[in-house]
Amino acid sequence: MINAHYEALDWLVFGAYALLIALTAWWFNRKTANTSAEYFLGGNAMPT
């Protein structure tokens, strides 16, 4: 069995990574669809 002993720097790196993932998810989800039709039709927009 592995005996894991985490130092403060380990927790800081883990927290920074989790924050980076959360901010990335927020950045790509900041424009939300207003209705379900807009969601399923993609806002009638084609990717360019």
C-alpha atoms as a PDB file:
ATOM      1  CA  MET A   1       0.000   0.000   0.000  1.00  0.00           C
ATOM      2  CA  ILE A   2       1.204   3.499  -0.805  1.00  0.00           C
ATOM      3  CA  ASN A   3       1.528   5.836   2.160  1.00  0.00           C
ATOM      4  CA  ALA A   4       0.614   9.284   0.837  1.00  0.00           C
ATOM      5  CA  HIS A   5       1.795  12.258   2.871  1.00  0.00           C
ATOM      6  CA  TYR A   6       0.877  15.589   1.299  1.00  0.00           C
ATOM      7  CA  GLU A   7       2.659  18.829   2.088  1.00  0.00           C
ATOM      8  CA  ALA A   8       1.209  22.334   1.784  1.00  0.00           C
ATOM      9  CA  LEU A   9       2.768  22.795  -1.663  1.00  0.00           C
ATOM     10  CA  ASP A  10       1.047  19.629  -2.903  1.00  0.00           C
ATOM     11  CA  TRP A  11      -2.344  20.946  -1.757  1.00  0.00           C
ATOM     12  CA  LEU A  12      -1.592  24.338  -3.322  1.00  0.00           C
ATOM     13  CA  VAL A  13      -0.819  22.737  -6.691  1.00  0.00           C
ATOM     14  CA  PHE A  14      -3.936  20.569  -6.467  1.00  0.00           C
ATOM     15  CA  GLY A  15      -6.105  23.589  -5.584  1.00  0.00           C
ATOM     16  CA  ALA A  16      -4.616  25.688  -8.401  1.00  0.00           C
ATOM     17  CA  TYR A  17      -5.302  22.880 -10.873  1.00  0.00           C
ATOM     18  CA  ALA A  18      -8.895  22.492  -9.673  1.00  0.00           C
ATOM     19  CA  LEU A  19      -9.392  26.256  -9.956  1.00  0.00           C
ATOM     20  CA  LEU A  20      -7.969  26.223 -13.481  1.00  0.00           C
ATOM     21  CA  ILE A  21     -10.387  23.453 -14.501  1.00  0.00           C
ATOM     22  CA  ALA A  22     -13.349  25.306 -12.942  1.00  0.00           C
ATOM     23  CA  LEU A  23     -12.426  28.597 -14.647  1.00  0.00           C
ATOM     24  CA  THR A  24     -11.999  26.838 -17.988  1.00  0.00           C
ATOM     25  CA  ALA A  25     -15.452  25.245 -17.648  1.00  0.00           C
ATOM     26  CA  TRP A  26     -16.958  28.616 -16.735  1.00  0.00           C
ATOM     27  CA  TRP A  27     -15.234  30.319 -19.699  1.00  0.00           C
ATOM     28  CA  PHE A  28     -16.651  27.855 -22.236  1.00  0.00           C
ATOM     29  CA  ASN A  29     -20.132  27.830 -20.641  1.00  0.00           C
ATOM     30  CA  ARG A  30     -20.590  31.564 -20.110  1.00  0.00           C
ATOM     31  CA  LYS A  31     -22.877  31.933 -23.151  1.00  0.00           C
ATOM     32  CA  THR A  32     -25.910  29.844 -22.348  1.00  0.00           C
ATOM     33  CA  ALA A  33     -28.973  29.143 -24.409  1.00  0.00           C
ATOM     34  CA  ASN A  34     -32.091  31.026 -23.357  1.00  0.00           C
ATOM     35  CA  THR A  35     -34.588  28.373 -24.447  1.00  0.00           C
ATOM     36  CA  SER A  36     -34.495  24.642 -25.055  1.00  0.00           C
ATOM     37  CA  ALA A  37     -35.105  25.218 -28.783  1.00  0.00           C
ATOM     38  CA  GLU A  38     -32.090  27.518 -28.936  1.00  0.00           C
ATOM     39  CA  TYR A  39     -30.046  24.902 -27.090  1.00  0.00           C
ATOM     40  CA  PHE A  40     -30.947  22.042 -29.423  1.00  0.00           C
ATOM     41  CA  LEU A  41     -30.649  24.155 -32.585  1.00  0.00           C
ATOM     42  CA  GLY A  42     -27.356  25.666 -31.497  1.00  0.00           C
ATOM     43  CA  GLY A  43     -28.744  29.178 -31.820  1.00  0.00           C
ATOM     44  CA  ASN A  44     -29.103  28.569 -35.583  1.00  0.00           C
ATOM     45  CA  ALA A  45     -25.365  29.110 -35.947  1.00  0.00           C
ATOM     46  CA  MET A  46     -22.881  27.099 -37.976  1.00  0.00           C
ATOM     47  CA  PRO A  47     -19.351  26.719 -36.643  1.00  0.00           C
ATOM     48  CA  THR A  48     -16.803  28.589 -38.725  1.00  0.00           C
END
